[in-house]
Amino acid sequence: MDIVLRDSLILVTTDFDTLNTQWMKDFLNHHSRGMLFLPKAVMVFRNDTLADDRKIFINQLSQHHAAKHDFSHEFFLRSLIKFGNQPIRIELGKQEEPQEIAVNLYAYNSDTVLISLDYPNSWILSYLRSQLEVYVERGTDVSLVLDVSEYKAKARLERALNKRHVLHYQIKYSYNNRFMSKLYSDFAKYSFGSLCKEDEDTQKNNFYAILQCPVGASQSALRDSYKRLAKAYHPDKILQEAPHMVEHYTQKFQLLQEAYSALRA
């Protein structure tokens, strides 16, 4: 471990073993809402409601660092305390090889999604919590249950899943071939002929959410978002992937086409 004290932050460069110590994981879990995930690093910002936890962490950080480098913990702690209110940036050493983490997705229905890990990983779970906290109904150290009954929650979930790297962890998402059909099952009953039978305003809001645009967005904004998403989810891009991945992209692509066709002037 190396610690560099700068004017604007505390920079901690460490390894996987230290990241997985209990004191590091406790600090992470308490500050998940105040973390910014950067390429190969995380930034933890000051939170006055967690001031005591921060003091405990800085003390443990100093002890660990002093033991590694064989110098006085008390002397280094005084220096760390002077920077105690600054953001703490934690990153892995460049020599660390990426580790693949399996994350499983399961849709109970169109309103509820389970995210689970095969093994506990506080960093991956904290990333997911930081992105989806407002939709989390309950969770453990290896799982989160999300309320995605609103379409903006579904859009938020998809944006969160687009990130595949946290620190030097590489996330591998997996789900069965019914995941997308369950998640968007509300759309199964819709066709252009039946739209007039439903609440038009509610249905339009759903289409805006699928295109990841605010309600009432301009035609140019809808067109730009549709082109971007259609390019990302076109099934031709993943012909070499597993069949359930092709189906996932195909279903998403079809939803995008339906939403854009309904909203296009």
Protein backbone atom coordinates (compact mmCIF):
# COMPACT_ATOMS: atom_id res chain seq x y z
CA MET A 1 0.00 0.00 0.00
CA ASP A 2 1.10 3.55 -0.77
CA ILE A 3 -0.56 6.73 0.50
CA VAL A 4 0.09 10.15 -1.00
CA LEU A 5 -1.26 13.27 0.72
CA ARG A 6 -2.18 16.00 -1.72
CA ASP A 7 -3.77 19.40 -1.25
CA SER A 8 -7.11 18.20 -2.55
CA LEU A 9 -7.25 14.48 -1.68
CA ILE A 10 -5.80 11.39 -0.01
CA LEU A 11 -4.57 8.97 -2.69
CA VAL A 12 -4.47 5.30 -1.63
CA THR A 13 -2.90 2.76 -3.98
CA THR A 14 -3.35 -0.79 -2.76
CA ASP A 15 -3.96 -4.43 -3.72
CA PHE A 16 -6.87 -6.86 -3.76
CA ASP A 17 -5.99 -8.34 -0.38
CA THR A 18 -6.25 -4.96 1.35
CA LEU A 19 -9.44 -4.10 -0.52
CA ASN A 20 -11.02 -7.23 0.95
CA THR A 21 -10.09 -6.59 4.58
CA GLN A 22 -13.09 -6.13 6.83
CA TRP A 23 -12.22 -2.56 7.86
CA MET A 24 -11.96 -1.50 4.21
CA LYS A 25 -15.26 -3.20 3.31
CA ASP A 26 -17.03 -1.63 6.31
CA PHE A 27 -15.90 1.84 5.22
CA LEU A 28 -17.04 1.15 1.69
CA ASN A 29 -20.47 -0.14 2.70
CA HIS A 30 -21.14 2.89 4.90
CA HIS A 31 -20.16 5.36 2.17
CA SER A 32 -21.72 3.72 -0.89
CA ARG A 33 -23.97 6.73 -1.52
CA GLY A 34 -21.04 9.13 -1.44
CA MET A 35 -18.77 7.32 -3.85
CA LEU A 36 -17.82 8.26 -7.38
CA PHE A 37 -16.67 5.37 -9.56
CA LEU A 38 -13.87 6.42 -11.89
CA PRO A 39 -11.84 4.37 -14.39
CA LYS A 40 -9.83 1.97 -12.19
CA ALA A 41 -10.52 3.99 -9.03
CA VAL A 42 -13.21 5.18 -6.61
CA MET A 43 -13.51 8.54 -4.89
CA VAL A 44 -15.10 8.73 -1.43
CA PHE A 45 -16.32 12.18 -0.42
CA ARG A 46 -16.82 13.67 3.03
CA ASN A 47 -20.14 12.93 4.71
CA ASP A 48 -20.72 14.78 7.99
CA THR A 49 -23.19 12.14 9.18
CA LEU A 50 -20.41 9.53 8.92
CA ALA A 51 -17.63 11.58 10.49
CA ASP A 52 -16.94 8.99 13.21
CA ASP A 53 -16.71 6.16 10.65
CA ARG A 54 -14.27 8.25 8.64
CA LYS A 55 -12.06 8.81 11.72
CA ILE A 56 -12.02 5.06 12.43
CA PHE A 57 -11.10 4.32 8.82
CA ILE A 58 -8.27 6.88 8.78
CA ASN A 59 -6.86 5.37 11.97
CA GLN A 60 -6.99 1.86 10.50
CA LEU A 61 -5.52 3.10 7.24
CA SER A 62 -2.61 4.66 9.13
CA GLN A 63 -2.00 1.50 11.15
CA HIS A 64 -1.98 -0.67 8.05
CA HIS A 65 0.30 1.69 6.15
CA ALA A 66 2.75 2.06 9.04
CA ALA A 67 2.95 -1.72 9.52
CA LYS A 68 3.67 -2.22 5.82
CA HIS A 69 6.45 0.38 5.79
CA ASP A 70 7.77 -0.13 9.32
CA PHE A 71 7.46 3.38 10.71
CA SER A 72 5.57 5.18 13.47
CA HIS A 73 1.80 4.91 13.17
CA GLU A 74 1.24 7.86 15.55
CA PHE A 75 3.41 10.20 13.48
CA PHE A 76 1.74 9.29 10.19
CA LEU A 77 -1.74 9.44 11.74
CA ARG A 78 -1.21 13.10 12.70
CA SER A 79 -0.43 13.87 9.05
CA LEU A 80 -3.46 11.94 7.83
CA ILE A 81 -5.80 13.70 10.25
CA LYS A 82 -4.81 17.05 8.75
CA PHE A 83 -6.25 15.81 5.46
CA GLY A 84 -9.22 14.10 7.09
CA ASN A 85 -11.88 16.20 5.35
CA GLN A 86 -10.47 15.73 1.85
CA PRO A 87 -11.83 13.17 -0.63
CA ILE A 88 -10.19 9.74 -0.47
CA ARG A 89 -9.26 8.20 -3.82
CA ILE A 90 -8.67 4.43 -3.72
CA GLU A 91 -7.14 2.64 -6.66
CA LEU A 92 -5.44 -0.67 -7.38
CA GLY A 93 -1.80 -0.92 -8.33
CA LYS A 94 -1.13 -1.15 -12.06
CA GLN A 95 0.36 -4.63 -11.67
CA GLU A 96 -2.97 -6.06 -10.52
CA GLU A 97 -4.62 -8.25 -13.16
CA PRO A 98 -8.38 -7.73 -13.71
CA GLN A 99 -10.62 -10.17 -11.84
CA GLU A 100 -13.86 -11.35 -13.45
CA ILE A 101 -16.96 -11.14 -11.24
CA ALA A 102 -20.17 -12.97 -12.18
CA VAL A 103 -23.38 -10.97 -11.63
CA ASN A 104 -26.69 -12.74 -12.21
CA LEU A 105 -29.91 -11.01 -13.26
CA TYR A 106 -33.37 -12.47 -12.76
CA ALA A 107 -36.76 -10.84 -13.41
CA TYR A 108 -39.54 -12.16 -11.20
CA ASN A 109 -41.95 -10.13 -13.32
CA SER A 110 -42.05 -6.69 -14.98
CA ASP A 111 -41.88 -4.96 -11.56
CA THR A 112 -39.16 -6.81 -9.64
CA VAL A 113 -35.57 -7.72 -10.51
CA LEU A 114 -33.04 -9.71 -8.47
CA ILE A 115 -29.33 -8.96 -8.86
CA SER A 116 -27.09 -11.57 -7.23
CA LEU A 117 -23.37 -12.34 -6.99
CA ASP A 118 -21.90 -15.82 -6.70
CA TYR A 119 -19.57 -14.54 -3.96
CA PRO A 120 -19.61 -11.38 -1.80
CA ASN A 121 -17.85 -8.40 -3.39
CA SER A 122 -18.38 -5.11 -1.59
CA TRP A 123 -16.98 -3.02 -4.43
CA ILE A 124 -19.32 -4.37 -7.10
CA LEU A 125 -22.34 -4.27 -4.79
CA SER A 126 -21.49 -0.72 -3.72
CA TYR A 127 -21.32 0.36 -7.35
CA LEU A 128 -24.76 -1.14 -8.01
CA ARG A 129 -26.16 0.46 -4.85
CA SER A 130 -24.72 3.84 -5.79
CA GLN A 131 -26.52 3.67 -9.14
CA LEU A 132 -29.79 2.03 -8.03
CA GLU A 133 -30.22 2.88 -4.33
CA VAL A 134 -33.58 4.62 -4.79
CA TYR A 135 -35.03 1.43 -6.31
CA VAL A 136 -33.57 -1.10 -3.83
CA GLU A 137 -36.27 -2.82 -1.77
CA ARG A 138 -33.94 -5.09 0.19
CA GLY A 139 -30.51 -6.61 -0.07
CA THR A 140 -27.78 -8.80 1.42
CA ASP A 141 -24.01 -8.93 0.97
CA VAL A 142 -24.54 -10.83 -2.30
CA SER A 143 -27.88 -9.58 -3.64
CA LEU A 144 -30.21 -6.66 -4.32
CA VAL A 145 -33.94 -6.76 -5.02
CA LEU A 146 -35.10 -3.82 -7.15
CA ASP A 147 -38.51 -2.25 -7.71
CA VAL A 148 -38.50 -1.44 -11.43
CA SER A 149 -42.23 -0.89 -11.82
CA GLU A 150 -41.56 2.58 -13.26
CA TYR A 151 -40.01 2.72 -16.70
CA LYS A 152 -37.45 5.27 -15.61
CA ALA A 153 -36.23 2.58 -13.17
CA LYS A 154 -35.80 0.15 -16.05
CA ALA A 155 -33.86 2.77 -17.99
CA ARG A 156 -31.69 3.46 -14.94
CA LEU A 157 -31.02 -0.26 -14.52
CA GLU A 158 -29.90 -0.60 -18.14
CA ARG A 159 -27.57 2.39 -17.79
CA ALA A 160 -26.04 0.88 -14.64
CA LEU A 161 -25.49 -2.45 -16.39
CA ASN A 162 -23.64 -0.76 -19.25
CA LYS A 163 -20.65 -0.27 -16.95
CA ARG A 164 -18.57 -3.44 -16.99
CA HIS A 165 -15.45 -2.36 -15.05
CA VAL A 166 -15.14 -1.28 -11.41
CA LEU A 167 -11.57 -0.77 -10.23
CA HIS A 168 -9.83 -3.80 -11.76
CA TYR A 169 -12.91 -5.98 -11.47
CA GLN A 170 -14.50 -6.99 -14.76
CA ILE A 171 -18.23 -7.63 -14.45
CA LYS A 172 -19.80 -10.48 -16.40
CA TYR A 173 -23.60 -10.19 -16.38
CA SER A 174 -25.66 -13.31 -17.04
CA TYR A 175 -29.39 -13.91 -17.35
CA ASN A 176 -31.72 -16.46 -18.91
CA ASN A 177 -33.50 -15.96 -22.21
CA ARG A 178 -36.72 -14.85 -20.48
CA PHE A 179 -35.19 -11.91 -18.63
CA MET A 180 -36.07 -9.22 -21.18
CA SER A 181 -39.49 -10.67 -22.01
CA LYS A 182 -40.41 -10.66 -18.31
CA LEU A 183 -38.93 -7.24 -17.65
CA TYR A 184 -40.89 -5.66 -20.50
CA SER A 185 -43.91 -7.96 -20.39
CA ASP A 186 -46.22 -4.95 -20.05
CA PHE A 187 -45.57 -4.21 -23.70
CA ALA A 188 -46.63 -7.65 -24.91
CA LYS A 189 -50.28 -6.65 -25.07
CA TYR A 190 -49.66 -3.47 -27.05
CA SER A 191 -49.99 -3.01 -30.78
CA PHE A 192 -50.71 0.09 -32.78
CA GLY A 193 -54.33 -0.98 -33.04
CA SER A 194 -54.76 -1.30 -29.29
CA LEU A 195 -52.95 1.87 -28.24
CA CYS A 196 -56.13 3.88 -28.63
CA LYS A 197 -57.80 1.70 -26.01
CA GLU A 198 -55.21 2.60 -23.36
CA ASP A 199 -54.42 5.77 -21.54
CA GLU A 200 -52.54 7.62 -24.27
CA ASP A 201 -50.53 9.86 -21.95
CA THR A 202 -49.30 6.96 -19.79
CA GLN A 203 -48.35 4.94 -22.82
CA LYS A 204 -46.42 7.86 -24.34
CA ASN A 205 -44.51 8.31 -21.09
CA ASN A 206 -43.47 4.67 -21.29
CA PHE A 207 -42.18 5.15 -24.82
CA TYR A 208 -40.16 8.20 -23.77
CA ALA A 209 -38.61 6.10 -20.99
CA ILE A 210 -37.62 3.35 -23.43
CA LEU A 211 -35.86 5.94 -25.58
CA GLN A 212 -34.24 7.38 -22.42
CA CYS A 213 -35.64 10.84 -23.16
CA PRO A 214 -37.61 13.22 -20.94
CA VAL A 215 -41.34 13.46 -21.62
CA GLY A 216 -41.97 16.01 -24.32
CA ALA A 217 -38.47 15.78 -25.80
CA SER A 218 -38.00 17.33 -29.23
CA GLN A 219 -38.10 15.28 -32.41
CA SER A 220 -34.38 15.82 -32.93
CA ALA A 221 -33.64 14.57 -29.38
CA LEU A 222 -35.83 11.51 -29.94
CA ARG A 223 -34.15 10.81 -33.26
CA ASP A 224 -30.64 11.15 -31.84
CA SER A 225 -31.43 8.91 -28.87
CA TYR A 226 -33.11 6.32 -31.09
CA LYS A 227 -30.11 6.19 -33.46
CA ARG A 228 -27.67 5.86 -30.56
CA LEU A 229 -29.63 3.10 -28.82
CA ALA A 230 -30.54 1.27 -32.02
CA LYS A 231 -26.87 1.16 -32.98
CA ALA A 232 -25.95 -0.20 -29.53
CA TYR A 233 -28.67 -2.87 -29.47
CA HIS A 234 -28.78 -3.97 -33.12
CA PRO A 235 -28.77 -7.81 -33.10
CA ASP A 236 -26.30 -7.95 -36.01
CA LYS A 237 -23.60 -6.73 -33.63
CA ILE A 238 -23.67 -9.88 -31.50
CA LEU A 239 -24.17 -12.76 -33.90
CA GLN A 240 -21.26 -14.59 -32.30
CA GLU A 241 -22.73 -14.34 -28.79
CA ALA A 242 -24.86 -16.91 -26.95
CA PRO A 243 -28.46 -17.30 -28.22
CA HIS A 244 -30.00 -15.66 -25.14
CA MET A 245 -27.85 -12.56 -25.76
CA VAL A 246 -29.10 -12.34 -29.33
CA GLU A 247 -32.67 -12.58 -28.05
CA HIS A 248 -32.00 -9.89 -25.43
CA TYR A 249 -30.74 -7.46 -28.07
CA THR A 250 -33.52 -8.37 -30.51
CA GLN A 251 -36.26 -7.69 -27.95
CA LYS A 252 -34.69 -4.42 -26.90
CA PHE A 253 -34.25 -3.37 -30.54
CA GLN A 254 -37.91 -4.12 -31.26
CA LEU A 255 -39.02 -2.03 -28.26
CA LEU A 256 -36.91 0.87 -29.49
CA GLN A 257 -38.48 0.66 -32.94
CA GLU A 258 -42.00 0.57 -31.50
CA ALA A 259 -41.35 3.51 -29.18
CA TYR A 260 -39.75 5.66 -31.87
CA SER A 261 -42.48 4.86 -34.38
CA ALA A 262 -45.15 5.86 -31.85
CA LEU A 263 -43.52 9.19 -30.93
CA ARG A 264 -42.17 10.22 -34.31
CA ALA A 265 -44.10 13.14 -35.80
